[in-house]
Amino acid sequence: AIKMVVASKIELYTALKEIKSDKIEKIYETHTNFVFMKVKNAKQVFDKMKENSIIIRNMGDYLRITAGSKEENEKMLETFKKVLEEV
């Protein structure tokens, strides 16, 4: 189970790093099951993600995104890219 969680987080981290957006200020490497990142308009991004039934954590100017299944990560990434264009 640990290997699956680590692999999921690495996939999510890698995919987020590939997103080209000036709204993503920094993505931090972690040794956990989530990705931590600094994002412009983090509260607005958080709210829009929530409107789309994607729950992430807002921590001021930062977002914490927990890695999920492959399907959950794909849905999150698809929604996240759209939201970044909107805010």
C-alpha atoms as a PDB file:
ATOM      1  CA  ALA A   1       0.000   0.000   0.000  1.00  0.00           C
ATOM      2  CA  ILE A   2       2.848   2.391   0.813  1.00  0.00           C
ATOM      3  CA  LYS A   3       4.412   1.846  -2.619  1.00  0.00           C
ATOM      4  CA  MET A   4       1.076   2.633  -4.275  1.00  0.00           C
ATOM      5  CA  VAL A   5       0.653   5.856  -2.302  1.00  0.00           C
ATOM      6  CA  VAL A   6       4.220   6.962  -3.039  1.00  0.00           C
ATOM      7  CA  ALA A   7       3.798   6.177  -6.755  1.00  0.00           C
ATOM      8  CA  SER A   8       0.518   8.111  -6.841  1.00  0.00           C
ATOM      9  CA  LYS A   9       2.094  11.159  -5.184  1.00  0.00           C
ATOM     10  CA  ILE A  10       5.062  11.073  -7.583  1.00  0.00           C
ATOM     11  CA  GLU A  11       2.710  10.905 -10.586  1.00  0.00           C
ATOM     12  CA  LEU A  12       0.678  13.808  -9.223  1.00  0.00           C
ATOM     13  CA  TYR A  13       3.772  15.880  -8.431  1.00  0.00           C
ATOM     14  CA  THR A  14       5.237  15.244 -11.895  1.00  0.00           C
ATOM     15  CA  ALA A  15       1.988  16.146 -13.660  1.00  0.00           C
ATOM     16  CA  LEU A  16       1.614  19.350 -11.637  1.00  0.00           C
ATOM     17  CA  LYS A  17       5.209  20.351 -12.461  1.00  0.00           C
ATOM     18  CA  GLU A  18       4.359  20.020 -16.176  1.00  0.00           C
ATOM     19  CA  ILE A  19       1.492  22.521 -15.989  1.00  0.00           C
ATOM     20  CA  LYS A  20       2.552  25.793 -17.544  1.00  0.00           C
ATOM     21  CA  SER A  21       0.879  28.567 -15.569  1.00  0.00           C
ATOM     22  CA  ASP A  22       2.162  31.799 -14.094  1.00  0.00           C
ATOM     23  CA  LYS A  23      -0.251  31.199 -11.202  1.00  0.00           C
ATOM     24  CA  ILE A  24       1.825  28.323  -9.868  1.00  0.00           C
ATOM     25  CA  GLU A  25       4.632  29.959  -7.911  1.00  0.00           C
ATOM     26  CA  LYS A  26       6.295  26.885  -6.420  1.00  0.00           C
ATOM     27  CA  ILE A  27       5.676  23.189  -5.975  1.00  0.00           C
ATOM     28  CA  TYR A  28       7.468  21.623  -3.031  1.00  0.00           C
ATOM     29  CA  GLU A  29       8.829  18.098  -2.911  1.00  0.00           C
ATOM     30  CA  THR A  30       7.455  16.202   0.059  1.00  0.00           C
ATOM     31  CA  HIS A  31       7.889  12.819   1.703  1.00  0.00           C
ATOM     32  CA  THR A  32       4.177  12.526   2.358  1.00  0.00           C
ATOM     33  CA  ASN A  33       1.020  11.517   0.500  1.00  0.00           C
ATOM     34  CA  PHE A  34       0.312  15.046  -0.712  1.00  0.00           C
ATOM     35  CA  VAL A  35       1.754  17.809  -2.880  1.00  0.00           C
ATOM     36  CA  PHE A  36       2.225  21.258  -1.313  1.00  0.00           C
ATOM     37  CA  MET A  37       2.319  24.287  -3.586  1.00  0.00           C
ATOM     38  CA  LYS A  38       2.231  28.070  -3.546  1.00  0.00           C
ATOM     39  CA  VAL A  39      -0.373  29.433  -5.932  1.00  0.00           C
ATOM     40  CA  LYS A  40      -1.559  32.925  -6.789  1.00  0.00           C
ATOM     41  CA  ASN A  41      -5.228  33.359  -5.846  1.00  0.00           C
ATOM     42  CA  ALA A  42      -5.083  30.166  -3.779  1.00  0.00           C
ATOM     43  CA  LYS A  43      -8.417  30.863  -2.054  1.00  0.00           C
ATOM     44  CA  GLN A  44     -10.170  31.376  -5.388  1.00  0.00           C
ATOM     45  CA  VAL A  45      -8.596  28.199  -6.782  1.00  0.00           C
ATOM     46  CA  PHE A  46      -9.695  26.320  -3.663  1.00  0.00           C
ATOM     47  CA  ASP A  47     -13.268  27.640  -3.971  1.00  0.00           C
ATOM     48  CA  LYS A  48     -13.509  26.762  -7.681  1.00  0.00           C
ATOM     49  CA  MET A  49     -12.142  23.278  -7.092  1.00  0.00           C
ATOM     50  CA  LYS A  50     -14.722  22.786  -4.347  1.00  0.00           C
ATOM     51  CA  GLU A  51     -17.483  23.963  -6.712  1.00  0.00           C
ATOM     52  CA  ASN A  52     -16.319  21.160  -9.036  1.00  0.00           C
ATOM     53  CA  SER A  53     -16.469  18.571  -6.208  1.00  0.00           C
ATOM     54  CA  ILE A  54     -12.680  18.392  -5.880  1.00  0.00           C
ATOM     55  CA  ILE A  55     -11.628  18.834  -2.272  1.00  0.00           C
ATOM     56  CA  ILE A  56      -8.131  20.141  -1.603  1.00  0.00           C
ATOM     57  CA  ARG A  57      -6.811  22.112   1.358  1.00  0.00           C
ATOM     58  CA  ASN A  58      -6.292  25.869   1.350  1.00  0.00           C
ATOM     59  CA  MET A  59      -3.537  27.119   3.633  1.00  0.00           C
ATOM     60  CA  GLY A  60      -3.291  30.841   2.990  1.00  0.00           C
ATOM     61  CA  ASP A  61      -1.288  31.304  -0.229  1.00  0.00           C
ATOM     62  CA  TYR A  62      -0.702  27.547  -0.420  1.00  0.00           C
ATOM     63  CA  LEU A  63      -2.649  24.504  -1.521  1.00  0.00           C
ATOM     64  CA  ARG A  64      -2.256  20.979  -0.252  1.00  0.00           C
ATOM     65  CA  ILE A  65      -3.390  18.304  -2.696  1.00  0.00           C
ATOM     66  CA  THR A  66      -3.584  14.732  -1.458  1.00  0.00           C
ATOM     67  CA  ALA A  67      -2.671  12.039  -3.973  1.00  0.00           C
ATOM     68  CA  GLY A  68      -5.475   9.643  -4.815  1.00  0.00           C
ATOM     69  CA  SER A  69      -6.131   6.856  -7.256  1.00  0.00           C
ATOM     70  CA  LYS A  70      -5.040   7.286 -10.858  1.00  0.00           C
ATOM     71  CA  GLU A  71      -8.593   8.250 -11.826  1.00  0.00           C
ATOM     72  CA  GLU A  72      -8.906  10.727  -8.937  1.00  0.00           C
ATOM     73  CA  ASN A  73      -5.571  12.337  -9.815  1.00  0.00           C
ATOM     74  CA  GLU A  74      -6.548  12.636 -13.489  1.00  0.00           C
ATOM     75  CA  LYS A  75      -9.877  14.278 -12.609  1.00  0.00           C
ATOM     76  CA  MET A  76      -8.153  16.648 -10.176  1.00  0.00           C
ATOM     77  CA  LEU A  77      -5.533  17.634 -12.757  1.00  0.00           C
ATOM     78  CA  GLU A  78      -8.124  18.196 -15.482  1.00  0.00           C
ATOM     79  CA  THR A  79     -10.191  20.406 -13.187  1.00  0.00           C
ATOM     80  CA  PHE A  80      -7.139  22.191 -11.756  1.00  0.00           C
ATOM     81  CA  LYS A  81      -5.932  23.206 -15.234  1.00  0.00           C
ATOM     82  CA  LYS A  82      -9.356  24.663 -16.096  1.00  0.00           C
ATOM     83  CA  VAL A  83      -9.584  26.488 -12.772  1.00  0.00           C
ATOM     84  CA  LEU A  84      -6.151  28.075 -13.220  1.00  0.00           C
ATOM     85  CA  GLU A  85      -7.324  29.549 -16.503  1.00  0.00           C
ATOM     86  CA  GLU A  86     -10.467  30.971 -14.864  1.00  0.00           C
ATOM     87  CA  VAL A  87      -8.999  32.713 -11.801  1.00  0.00           C
END
